[in-house]
Amino acid sequence: MQCHVMKEIWINWYTRPALSMMNDIEEKRLITPGKTVLVEHTSGNMRISMAFMAALKVYRILLIGPSYTSLERRATMLSFGTDLIFADPTKAMRGTVKKAYDLLENTPDASML
């Protein structure tokens, strides 16, 4: 990845909170790099930062969001190795949250941020 891209991602408003959330649950020994699958529902910019931090910390991450996500955002998250899952847009955020909890229950070694 080119340096200017890394710099733009690092200074992104959402990157530091994403890192802080992951560090917090790591310190509590609730997740293990390379083993735990992270599951999160979000419709905003935080998804890209979560995907970036998960890639840096060697976590598989399932991000559940709306199907109207732009192709550019999809490409960015996929470049970090993210598994993107789209919820039914007619069910709004409620459908996204339900899908995330369903995946959490049915995915071995899964944890939600």
N, C-alpha and C. Protein backbone atom coordinates (compact mmCIF):
# COMPACT_ATOMS: atom_id res chain seq x y z
N MET A 1 0.85 -1.17 0.00
CA MET A 1 0.00 0.00 0.00
C MET A 1 0.89 1.23 0.00
N GLN A 2 0.52 2.23 -0.76
CA GLN A 2 1.33 3.42 -0.85
C GLN A 2 1.26 4.22 0.44
N CYS A 3 2.36 4.91 0.72
CA CYS A 3 2.49 5.64 1.99
C CYS A 3 1.39 6.68 2.18
N HIS A 4 1.07 7.45 1.14
CA HIS A 4 0.06 8.51 1.32
C HIS A 4 -1.31 7.92 1.65
N VAL A 5 -1.60 6.73 1.15
CA VAL A 5 -2.87 6.09 1.47
C VAL A 5 -2.88 5.69 2.93
N MET A 6 -1.77 5.11 3.41
CA MET A 6 -1.68 4.72 4.82
C MET A 6 -1.84 5.94 5.72
N LYS A 7 -1.21 7.05 5.35
CA LYS A 7 -1.30 8.27 6.16
C LYS A 7 -2.75 8.76 6.22
N GLU A 8 -3.44 8.78 5.08
CA GLU A 8 -4.83 9.23 5.07
C GLU A 8 -5.71 8.34 5.93
N ILE A 9 -5.46 7.04 5.90
CA ILE A 9 -6.27 6.13 6.71
C ILE A 9 -5.96 6.33 8.19
N TRP A 10 -4.69 6.48 8.54
CA TRP A 10 -4.32 6.60 9.94
C TRP A 10 -4.90 7.87 10.57
N ILE A 11 -4.94 8.96 9.82
CA ILE A 11 -5.44 10.20 10.42
C ILE A 11 -6.96 10.32 10.31
N ASN A 12 -7.60 9.35 9.71
CA ASN A 12 -9.05 9.35 9.61
C ASN A 12 -9.66 9.42 11.01
N TRP A 13 -10.70 10.19 11.15
CA TRP A 13 -11.39 10.40 12.42
C TRP A 13 -11.79 9.10 13.11
N TYR A 14 -12.09 8.06 12.33
CA TYR A 14 -12.62 6.82 12.87
C TYR A 14 -11.56 5.77 13.19
N THR A 15 -10.35 5.95 12.72
CA THR A 15 -9.33 4.92 12.87
C THR A 15 -8.92 4.73 14.32
N ARG A 16 -8.71 5.79 15.02
CA ARG A 16 -8.26 5.66 16.41
C ARG A 16 -9.32 5.03 17.32
N PRO A 17 -10.60 5.38 17.18
CA PRO A 17 -11.61 4.67 17.99
C PRO A 17 -11.67 3.18 17.65
N ALA A 18 -11.52 2.84 16.37
CA ALA A 18 -11.54 1.42 15.99
C ALA A 18 -10.39 0.68 16.65
N LEU A 19 -9.20 1.29 16.64
CA LEU A 19 -8.04 0.69 17.29
C LEU A 19 -8.26 0.59 18.79
N SER A 20 -8.82 1.63 19.38
CA SER A 20 -9.07 1.64 20.82
C SER A 20 -10.04 0.53 21.23
N MET A 21 -11.10 0.33 20.45
CA MET A 21 -12.06 -0.73 20.76
C MET A 21 -11.39 -2.10 20.70
N MET A 22 -10.58 -2.32 19.67
CA MET A 22 -9.91 -3.62 19.55
C MET A 22 -8.89 -3.82 20.66
N ASN A 23 -8.12 -2.78 20.96
CA ASN A 23 -7.14 -2.89 22.05
C ASN A 23 -7.83 -3.19 23.38
N ASP A 24 -8.96 -2.55 23.63
CA ASP A 24 -9.69 -2.74 24.88
C ASP A 24 -10.11 -4.19 25.07
N ILE A 25 -10.72 -4.79 24.05
CA ILE A 25 -11.18 -6.16 24.23
C ILE A 25 -10.02 -7.16 24.16
N GLU A 26 -8.91 -6.77 23.52
CA GLU A 26 -7.71 -7.63 23.58
C GLU A 26 -7.14 -7.65 24.99
N GLU A 27 -7.05 -6.46 25.60
CA GLU A 27 -6.51 -6.37 26.96
C GLU A 27 -7.35 -7.15 27.96
N LYS A 28 -8.63 -7.25 27.71
CA LYS A 28 -9.52 -8.03 28.57
C LYS A 28 -9.50 -9.51 28.20
N ARG A 29 -8.67 -9.85 27.23
CA ARG A 29 -8.50 -11.23 26.76
C ARG A 29 -9.81 -11.85 26.27
N LEU A 30 -10.63 -11.02 25.62
CA LEU A 30 -11.89 -11.51 25.07
C LEU A 30 -11.75 -11.94 23.61
N ILE A 31 -10.65 -11.51 22.97
CA ILE A 31 -10.40 -11.89 21.58
C ILE A 31 -8.93 -12.27 21.40
N THR A 32 -8.66 -13.07 20.38
CA THR A 32 -7.30 -13.54 20.10
C THR A 32 -6.99 -13.35 18.63
N PRO A 33 -5.91 -12.62 18.29
CA PRO A 33 -5.55 -12.45 16.88
C PRO A 33 -5.36 -13.80 16.20
N GLY A 34 -5.83 -13.89 14.97
CA GLY A 34 -5.68 -15.12 14.20
C GLY A 34 -6.69 -16.20 14.54
N LYS A 35 -7.48 -15.98 15.59
CA LYS A 35 -8.48 -16.98 16.01
C LYS A 35 -9.89 -16.39 16.02
N THR A 36 -10.06 -15.28 16.69
CA THR A 36 -11.37 -14.66 16.83
C THR A 36 -11.85 -14.05 15.52
N VAL A 37 -13.12 -14.23 15.24
CA VAL A 37 -13.77 -13.58 14.10
C VAL A 37 -14.56 -12.40 14.65
N LEU A 38 -14.22 -11.21 14.20
CA LEU A 38 -14.94 -10.02 14.64
C LEU A 38 -16.18 -9.82 13.78
N VAL A 39 -17.28 -9.47 14.42
CA VAL A 39 -18.55 -9.23 13.74
C VAL A 39 -19.02 -7.84 14.15
N GLU A 40 -19.37 -7.03 13.19
CA GLU A 40 -19.84 -5.68 13.53
C GLU A 40 -20.84 -5.19 12.50
N HIS A 41 -21.84 -4.48 12.96
CA HIS A 41 -22.82 -3.85 12.08
C HIS A 41 -22.59 -2.35 12.10
N THR A 42 -22.54 -1.76 10.94
CA THR A 42 -22.36 -0.32 10.83
C THR A 42 -22.73 0.13 9.44
N SER A 43 -23.22 1.33 9.35
CA SER A 43 -23.55 1.86 8.03
C SER A 43 -22.67 3.03 7.67
N GLY A 44 -21.73 3.35 8.54
CA GLY A 44 -20.94 4.56 8.34
C GLY A 44 -19.48 4.33 8.00
N ASN A 45 -18.72 5.40 8.16
CA ASN A 45 -17.30 5.40 7.83
C ASN A 45 -16.47 4.50 8.73
N MET A 46 -16.99 4.18 9.90
CA MET A 46 -16.24 3.34 10.84
C MET A 46 -15.89 1.99 10.22
N ARG A 47 -16.69 1.52 9.28
CA ARG A 47 -16.44 0.20 8.65
C ARG A 47 -15.04 0.12 8.05
N ILE A 48 -14.64 1.16 7.33
CA ILE A 48 -13.33 1.13 6.68
C ILE A 48 -12.23 1.08 7.73
N SER A 49 -12.36 1.85 8.79
CA SER A 49 -11.36 1.85 9.85
C SER A 49 -11.31 0.51 10.58
N MET A 50 -12.46 -0.10 10.81
CA MET A 50 -12.49 -1.42 11.44
C MET A 50 -11.83 -2.46 10.54
N ALA A 51 -12.09 -2.38 9.26
CA ALA A 51 -11.47 -3.30 8.31
C ALA A 51 -9.96 -3.14 8.32
N PHE A 52 -9.50 -1.90 8.33
CA PHE A 52 -8.07 -1.60 8.34
C PHE A 52 -7.40 -2.14 9.61
N MET A 53 -7.99 -1.83 10.77
CA MET A 53 -7.41 -2.28 12.04
C MET A 53 -7.44 -3.80 12.17
N ALA A 54 -8.51 -4.42 11.72
CA ALA A 54 -8.59 -5.89 11.77
C ALA A 54 -7.48 -6.51 10.92
N ALA A 55 -7.23 -5.93 9.76
CA ALA A 55 -6.16 -6.44 8.90
C ALA A 55 -4.80 -6.29 9.57
N LEU A 56 -4.56 -5.14 10.19
CA LEU A 56 -3.28 -4.92 10.87
C LEU A 56 -3.08 -5.86 12.05
N LYS A 57 -4.17 -6.18 12.74
CA LYS A 57 -4.08 -7.01 13.93
C LYS A 57 -4.36 -8.49 13.65
N VAL A 58 -4.51 -8.85 12.40
CA VAL A 58 -4.70 -10.24 11.95
C VAL A 58 -5.99 -10.86 12.50
N TYR A 59 -7.08 -10.14 12.34
CA TYR A 59 -8.39 -10.66 12.68
C TYR A 59 -9.20 -10.81 11.40
N ARG A 60 -9.98 -11.87 11.34
CA ARG A 60 -10.99 -11.96 10.29
C ARG A 60 -12.15 -11.10 10.77
N ILE A 61 -12.72 -10.30 9.89
CA ILE A 61 -13.82 -9.44 10.29
C ILE A 61 -14.98 -9.55 9.30
N LEU A 62 -16.18 -9.69 9.87
CA LEU A 62 -17.41 -9.70 9.10
C LEU A 62 -18.10 -8.37 9.35
N LEU A 63 -18.23 -7.56 8.32
CA LEU A 63 -18.89 -6.27 8.47
C LEU A 63 -20.24 -6.32 7.78
N ILE A 64 -21.27 -6.04 8.54
CA ILE A 64 -22.62 -6.09 8.02
C ILE A 64 -23.10 -4.65 7.83
N GLY A 65 -23.58 -4.36 6.64
CA GLY A 65 -24.03 -3.01 6.34
C GLY A 65 -25.09 -2.99 5.27
N PRO A 66 -25.48 -1.79 4.87
CA PRO A 66 -26.53 -1.66 3.86
C PRO A 66 -26.02 -2.00 2.46
N SER A 67 -26.92 -2.48 1.63
CA SER A 67 -26.53 -2.89 0.28
C SER A 67 -26.22 -1.71 -0.63
N TYR A 68 -26.57 -0.51 -0.22
CA TYR A 68 -26.28 0.66 -1.04
C TYR A 68 -24.87 1.22 -0.83
N THR A 69 -24.00 0.47 -0.17
CA THR A 69 -22.61 0.88 0.02
C THR A 69 -21.95 1.10 -1.34
N SER A 70 -21.23 2.20 -1.48
CA SER A 70 -20.61 2.54 -2.77
C SER A 70 -19.56 1.51 -3.17
N LEU A 71 -19.33 1.40 -4.46
CA LEU A 71 -18.32 0.47 -4.97
C LEU A 71 -16.94 0.80 -4.45
N GLU A 72 -16.62 2.09 -4.29
CA GLU A 72 -15.31 2.50 -3.79
C GLU A 72 -15.10 2.01 -2.35
N ARG A 73 -16.11 2.16 -1.53
CA ARG A 73 -16.00 1.70 -0.14
C ARG A 73 -15.91 0.18 -0.08
N ARG A 74 -16.69 -0.48 -0.91
CA ARG A 74 -16.62 -1.95 -0.96
C ARG A 74 -15.21 -2.38 -1.34
N ALA A 75 -14.65 -1.76 -2.37
CA ALA A 75 -13.30 -2.12 -2.83
C ALA A 75 -12.26 -1.89 -1.75
N THR A 76 -12.39 -0.78 -1.02
CA THR A 76 -11.43 -0.48 0.05
C THR A 76 -11.49 -1.54 1.14
N MET A 77 -12.69 -1.87 1.59
CA MET A 77 -12.83 -2.86 2.66
C MET A 77 -12.38 -4.24 2.19
N LEU A 78 -12.72 -4.59 0.98
CA LEU A 78 -12.29 -5.89 0.44
C LEU A 78 -10.78 -5.97 0.32
N SER A 79 -10.13 -4.84 0.02
CA SER A 79 -8.66 -4.85 -0.09
C SER A 79 -7.99 -5.16 1.24
N PHE A 80 -8.70 -4.95 2.35
CA PHE A 80 -8.18 -5.28 3.67
C PHE A 80 -8.55 -6.70 4.09
N GLY A 81 -9.23 -7.44 3.22
CA GLY A 81 -9.59 -8.82 3.52
C GLY A 81 -10.89 -8.97 4.28
N THR A 82 -11.69 -7.95 4.29
CA THR A 82 -12.97 -7.97 5.00
C THR A 82 -13.99 -8.85 4.30
N ASP A 83 -14.81 -9.52 5.08
CA ASP A 83 -15.98 -10.21 4.54
C ASP A 83 -17.15 -9.24 4.67
N LEU A 84 -17.67 -8.79 3.54
CA LEU A 84 -18.80 -7.86 3.55
C LEU A 84 -20.10 -8.63 3.42
N ILE A 85 -21.03 -8.29 4.27
CA ILE A 85 -22.34 -8.93 4.24
C ILE A 85 -23.37 -7.80 4.22
N PHE A 86 -24.31 -7.91 3.30
CA PHE A 86 -25.29 -6.84 3.14
C PHE A 86 -26.66 -7.28 3.64
N ALA A 87 -27.29 -6.39 4.36
CA ALA A 87 -28.62 -6.65 4.90
C ALA A 87 -29.68 -6.11 3.95
N ASP A 88 -30.88 -6.57 4.13
CA ASP A 88 -32.02 -6.13 3.34
C ASP A 88 -32.25 -4.63 3.57
N PRO A 89 -32.13 -3.80 2.53
CA PRO A 89 -32.27 -2.35 2.73
C PRO A 89 -33.68 -1.93 3.15
N THR A 90 -34.67 -2.77 2.91
CA THR A 90 -36.04 -2.41 3.31
C THR A 90 -36.26 -2.54 4.81
N LYS A 91 -35.34 -3.21 5.49
CA LYS A 91 -35.46 -3.40 6.94
C LYS A 91 -34.62 -2.40 7.73
N ALA A 92 -34.00 -1.47 7.01
CA ALA A 92 -33.20 -0.40 7.62
C ALA A 92 -32.13 -0.95 8.56
N MET A 93 -31.73 -0.16 9.53
CA MET A 93 -30.65 -0.57 10.44
C MET A 93 -31.07 -1.74 11.31
N ARG A 94 -32.34 -1.87 11.59
CA ARG A 94 -32.83 -3.00 12.40
C ARG A 94 -32.46 -4.33 11.75
N GLY A 95 -32.58 -4.42 10.43
CA GLY A 95 -32.22 -5.63 9.71
C GLY A 95 -30.73 -5.90 9.76
N THR A 96 -29.94 -4.84 9.72
CA THR A 96 -28.48 -4.96 9.80
C THR A 96 -28.06 -5.50 11.17
N VAL A 97 -28.66 -4.96 12.21
CA VAL A 97 -28.34 -5.40 13.58
C VAL A 97 -28.75 -6.85 13.77
N LYS A 98 -29.93 -7.22 13.31
CA LYS A 98 -30.39 -8.61 13.45
C LYS A 98 -29.46 -9.56 12.72
N LYS A 99 -29.05 -9.20 11.51
CA LYS A 99 -28.14 -10.05 10.74
C LYS A 99 -26.81 -10.22 11.49
N ALA A 100 -26.31 -9.15 12.09
CA ALA A 100 -25.06 -9.22 12.84
C ALA A 100 -25.18 -10.17 14.02
N TYR A 101 -26.26 -10.07 14.77
CA TYR A 101 -26.44 -10.96 15.92
C TYR A 101 -26.65 -12.41 15.50
N ASP A 102 -27.32 -12.63 14.38
CA ASP A 102 -27.47 -13.99 13.85
C ASP A 102 -26.10 -14.58 13.51
N LEU A 103 -25.26 -13.78 12.85
CA LEU A 103 -23.91 -14.25 12.51
C LEU A 103 -23.08 -14.49 13.76
N LEU A 104 -23.22 -13.63 14.74
CA LEU A 104 -22.48 -13.78 16.00
C LEU A 104 -22.82 -15.10 16.66
N GLU A 105 -24.08 -15.46 16.68
CA GLU A 105 -24.52 -16.71 17.30
C GLU A 105 -24.06 -17.94 16.52
N ASN A 106 -23.94 -17.82 15.21
CA ASN A 106 -23.66 -18.99 14.37
C ASN A 106 -22.24 -19.07 13.84
N THR A 107 -21.35 -18.19 14.30
CA THR A 107 -19.96 -18.20 13.86
C THR A 107 -19.07 -18.60 15.03
N PRO A 108 -18.35 -19.71 14.91
CA PRO A 108 -17.45 -20.13 16.00
C PRO A 108 -16.39 -19.06 16.28
N ASP A 109 -16.05 -18.88 17.54
CA ASP A 109 -15.03 -17.93 18.00
C ASP A 109 -15.32 -16.50 17.56
N ALA A 110 -16.59 -16.13 17.50
CA ALA A 110 -16.96 -14.78 17.07
C ALA A 110 -17.13 -13.86 18.27
N SER A 111 -16.83 -12.59 18.03
CA SER A 111 -17.00 -11.57 19.06
C SER A 111 -17.44 -10.28 18.39
N MET A 112 -18.29 -9.54 19.06
CA MET A 112 -18.74 -8.26 18.51
C MET A 112 -18.03 -7.14 19.23
N LEU A 113 -17.60 -6.16 18.48
CA LEU A 113 -16.95 -5.00 19.08
C LEU A 113 -17.99 -4.16 19.79
